[in-house]
Protein backbone atom coordinates (compact mmCIF):
# COMPACT_ATOMS: atom_id res chain seq x y z
CA MET A 1 39.49 114.95 192.93
CA ILE A 2 36.99 112.26 192.28
CA LYS A 3 37.43 111.14 196.03
CA PHE A 4 36.29 114.83 197.39
CA PHE A 5 33.11 115.04 194.87
CA PRO A 6 31.04 113.29 197.76
CA ILE A 7 32.45 115.89 200.03
CA LEU A 8 31.66 118.76 197.59
CA LEU A 9 28.21 117.25 196.90
CA ALA A 10 27.34 117.19 200.66
CA VAL A 11 28.61 120.78 200.89
CA ILE A 12 26.38 122.13 197.84
CA TYR A 13 23.60 119.99 199.30
CA GLY A 14 23.69 121.79 202.61
CA LEU A 15 23.58 125.03 200.86
CA VAL A 16 20.72 124.45 198.85
CA MET A 17 18.58 122.95 201.66
CA TYR A 18 19.51 125.88 203.71
CA ARG A 19 18.26 128.29 200.85
CA PHE A 20 15.19 126.12 200.29
CA SER A 21 14.23 126.42 204.04
CA VAL A 22 14.63 130.24 204.05
CA TRP A 23 12.46 130.49 201.08
CA ARG A 24 9.89 128.15 202.68
CA THR A 25 9.64 129.75 205.76
CA SER A 26 9.48 133.29 204.11
CA ARG A 27 6.35 131.92 201.81
CA GLU A 28 4.85 130.76 204.98
CA LEU A 29 5.20 133.97 206.70
CA ASP A 30 3.73 135.69 203.82
CA GLU A 31 0.51 133.20 203.72
CA ARG A 32 0.07 133.36 207.53
CA SER A 33 0.53 136.68 208.61
CA THR A 34 -1.35 140.21 208.53
CA GLU A 35 -0.11 143.70 209.82
CA LEU A 36 -0.44 144.25 213.60
CA ALA A 37 -3.26 147.18 213.85
CA ASP A 38 -3.17 148.00 217.72
CA PRO A 39 -3.44 151.36 218.94
CA LYS A 40 -1.87 151.34 222.14
CA LEU A 41 1.08 149.17 220.74
CA LYS A 42 1.36 151.65 217.75
CA ARG A 43 2.00 154.67 220.07
CA LEU A 44 4.92 152.44 221.41
CA THR A 45 6.21 151.51 218.07
CA ASP A 46 5.97 155.11 217.06
CA LYS A 47 8.46 155.95 219.83
CA MET A 48 11.04 153.60 218.66
CA ALA A 49 10.82 154.64 215.08
CA SER A 50 11.21 158.37 216.35
CA ALA A 51 14.23 157.28 218.35
CA LEU A 52 15.37 155.39 215.11
CA ASP A 53 14.43 158.08 212.81
CA LEU A 54 12.01 156.09 210.81
CA ASP A 55 8.70 157.06 209.59
CA ARG A 56 7.28 153.95 211.53
CA VAL A 57 8.09 150.54 212.73
CA LYS A 58 5.97 147.88 210.84
CA VAL A 59 4.93 144.51 212.96
CA HIS A 60 2.99 141.38 211.64
CA ILE A 61 0.82 138.92 213.46
CA TYR A 62 2.25 135.64 212.41
CA GLU A 63 -0.67 132.93 212.73
CA ILE A 64 0.64 130.35 214.95
CA ASP A 65 -0.15 129.44 218.69
CA PRO A 66 3.46 129.51 220.10
CA VAL A 67 4.80 132.48 222.31
CA ASN A 68 7.32 133.72 220.10
CA GLY A 69 9.17 137.09 217.97
CA LEU A 70 10.80 136.66 215.13
CA ALA A 71 12.73 138.77 212.43
CA ALA A 72 12.48 137.44 209.19
CA PRO A 73 15.53 137.20 206.71
CA ASP A 74 13.97 139.96 204.81
CA GLY A 75 13.85 142.49 207.93
CA ARG A 76 10.62 141.89 208.62
CA ILE A 77 9.21 141.78 212.36
CA PHE A 78 6.72 139.27 213.53
CA ILE A 79 4.77 138.74 216.78
CA THR A 80 2.67 135.44 216.85
CA ARG A 81 -0.79 135.19 217.31
CA GLY A 82 -0.16 132.99 220.63
CA PHE A 83 2.09 135.97 221.86
CA TYR A 84 -0.24 138.62 220.97
CA ARG A 85 -3.03 136.61 222.78
CA LYS A 86 -1.18 136.72 225.94
CA TYR A 87 -1.04 140.67 225.76
CA GLN A 88 -4.74 140.60 224.97
CA ASN A 89 -5.42 138.26 228.24
CA GLY A 90 -3.30 140.74 230.10
CA GLU A 91 -0.75 138.32 230.99
CA VAL A 92 1.92 140.53 229.18
CA SER A 93 1.96 144.09 228.94
CA ALA A 94 1.86 146.55 225.94
CA GLU A 95 5.43 147.76 227.14
CA GLU A 96 6.76 144.10 227.20
CA LEU A 97 5.47 143.40 224.45
CA ALA A 98 7.26 146.38 222.62
CA SER A 99 10.79 145.04 223.91
CA VAL A 100 9.93 142.14 222.00
CA ILE A 101 9.61 144.03 218.96
CA ALA A 102 12.77 146.24 219.84
CA HIS A 103 14.81 142.82 220.17
CA GLU A 104 13.77 141.56 217.14
CA LEU A 105 14.65 145.00 215.55
CA GLY A 106 18.09 144.26 216.79
CA HIS A 107 18.46 141.42 215.18
CA VAL A 108 17.57 143.04 211.76
CA ALA A 109 20.23 145.97 212.50
CA LEU A 110 22.76 143.62 213.75
CA GLY A 111 22.37 141.50 210.44
CA HIS A 112 21.35 138.34 212.44
CA SER A 113 18.20 137.47 210.72
CA ARG A 114 20.09 137.12 207.60
CA ARG A 115 22.62 134.74 208.59
CA ARG A 116 20.66 132.65 211.18
CA MET A 117 18.78 129.31 210.20
CA ILE A 118 15.58 130.37 211.15
CA ASP A 119 14.18 127.09 211.50
CA PHE A 120 15.16 123.47 212.08
CA SER A 121 15.56 122.21 208.50
CA GLY A 122 18.42 124.30 207.84
CA GLN A 123 19.99 122.81 210.87
CA ASN A 124 19.00 119.48 209.51
CA ALA A 125 20.76 120.31 206.23
CA LEU A 126 24.27 121.22 207.86
CA ARG A 127 23.94 118.16 209.97
CA THR A 128 23.53 116.19 207.02
CA ALA A 129 26.05 117.77 205.16
CA LEU A 130 28.91 117.46 207.95
CA ALA A 131 27.67 113.91 208.76
CA MET A 132 28.41 112.80 205.14
CA ILE A 133 31.52 114.39 205.26
CA LEU A 134 32.86 112.90 208.79
CA SER A 135 31.57 109.84 208.07
CA ARG A 136 34.28 109.03 205.28
CA PHE A 137 36.94 109.98 207.58
CA ILE A 138 35.58 108.56 210.98
CA PRO A 139 33.05 105.60 210.22
CA GLY A 140 30.89 104.64 212.86
CA VAL A 141 31.14 107.94 215.11
CA GLY A 142 31.01 110.61 212.01
CA VAL A 143 26.99 110.93 212.30
CA TRP A 144 27.18 111.48 216.42
CA ILE A 145 29.83 113.78 215.93
CA ALA A 146 28.22 115.90 213.17
CA ASN A 147 24.97 116.24 215.51
CA MET A 148 27.17 117.18 218.80
CA LEU A 149 28.89 119.85 216.74
CA THR A 150 25.73 121.42 214.72
CA THR A 151 23.92 121.71 218.24
CA VAL A 152 26.75 123.12 219.99
CA LEU A 153 27.10 125.65 217.12
CA ALA A 154 23.92 126.72 216.58
CA ALA A 155 23.39 127.01 220.44
CA ARG A 156 26.77 129.39 220.54
CA LEU A 157 25.71 131.31 217.79
CA SER A 158 22.43 131.92 218.92
CA ARG A 159 23.27 133.01 222.19
CA GLY A 160 25.77 135.61 221.23
CA ASP A 161 22.97 136.93 218.92
CA GLU A 162 20.38 137.20 221.72
CA TYR A 163 23.06 139.12 224.18
CA GLU A 164 23.73 141.40 221.17
CA ALA A 165 19.80 141.90 220.42
CA ASP A 166 19.06 142.52 224.14
CA ALA A 167 21.90 145.12 224.37
CA TYR A 168 20.36 146.79 220.99
CA ALA A 169 16.52 146.51 222.77
CA ALA A 170 18.03 148.03 225.79
CA ALA A 171 19.53 150.92 224.31
CA LEU A 172 16.28 151.37 221.98
CA LEU A 173 13.71 151.25 224.55
CA THR A 174 15.83 153.59 226.75
CA LYS A 175 16.13 156.34 224.13
CA ALA A 176 12.29 155.80 223.05
CA GLY A 177 11.54 156.90 226.69
CA ILE A 178 9.87 153.40 227.45
CA GLY A 179 12.99 152.07 229.56
CA THR A 180 14.27 148.53 230.06
CA HIS A 181 12.02 147.51 232.95
CA PRO A 182 9.62 145.86 230.81
CA GLN A 183 12.29 144.22 229.13
CA LYS A 184 13.68 142.54 232.37
CA THR A 185 9.92 141.87 233.93
CA LEU A 186 9.31 139.92 230.44
CA PHE A 187 12.51 137.70 230.84
CA ASN A 188 11.01 136.44 234.08
CA LYS A 189 7.66 135.56 232.55
CA LEU A 190 9.19 134.10 229.59
CA GLU A 191 9.57 130.23 230.85
CA ASP A 192 5.97 130.43 231.90
CA LEU A 193 4.68 131.85 228.83
CA THR A 194 6.47 129.29 226.59
CA GLN A 195 5.89 125.83 228.44
CA ALA A 196 2.34 126.57 228.68
CA ARG A 197 1.73 124.16 225.67
CA SER A 198 2.36 121.01 227.40
CA GLY A 199 5.51 121.75 228.87
CA ALA A 200 7.19 122.30 225.53
CA MET A 201 9.34 125.31 224.91
CA PRO A 202 9.21 126.63 221.15
CA ALA A 203 12.29 125.65 219.37
CA TRP A 204 13.06 129.33 218.37
CA LEU A 205 13.93 129.74 222.16
CA MET A 206 15.53 126.72 223.26
CA SER A 207 18.89 128.12 222.67
CA HIS A 208 18.36 131.31 224.41
CA PRO A 209 20.63 132.61 227.33
CA LYS A 210 19.16 131.97 231.10
CA THR A 211 16.87 134.44 232.34
CA PRO A 212 19.13 135.84 235.19
CA GLU A 213 22.41 136.16 232.71
CA ARG A 214 20.21 138.16 230.27
CA ILE A 215 18.84 140.37 233.02
CA ALA A 216 22.35 140.77 234.71
CA ALA A 217 23.81 141.86 230.96
CA ILE A 218 21.31 144.55 230.86
CA GLU A 219 21.98 145.92 234.24
CA LYS A 220 25.51 146.16 233.41
CA LEU A 221 24.95 148.18 230.43
CA GLU A 222 22.63 150.40 232.85
CA GLN A 223 25.17 150.83 234.92
CA ARG A 224 27.77 151.52 232.44
CA TRP A 225 25.52 154.17 230.82
CA LEU A 226 25.02 155.70 234.33
CA GLU A 227 28.86 156.19 234.94
CA ALA A 228 29.43 157.43 231.29
């Protein structure tokens, strides 16, 4: 039992750090966000709310510059100030921004936001726990293997979640009468929008599927709906 104590300790450490990461991020969202008040976007979110049999879809502005959307573990939907600014400047249409909101609603509805590690603190905690465990059995290369496994696992889970959220958004946008065209046109803009800051893509978008693959998946869904 004693020889397994360090492994148990590492697992507990990883879980505690993950929970702390979620708490810290939730607190930051509370402190740095306000509810979105935009009449044109509200008309679109009201259409989605009607399609979902909800009174309204509440969206918040997260006061950071990177272009992104976020579904918090408690189910709240956020658009970053940087993304909203792109909309205000005419680089992104209201319908395209609505497709982001629909995508984040998908993460909430499908349970992704509750299980995802929504910042790198959680991933680093998992990486540390794995490194401690593997280093006991494979000295010297345990840390390298832990880094590789964490990166591969996080990317694979994220890509799967993104495809599912894309499909949910496509169905919701279609039902709401907005359609999937804005969703697809936004995909083609994302690389330019997210790399505007010194060529760096935000961490939340690094493991998203490739644009052609995302568009192809939506068009496959559309074809299936036409044949149904």
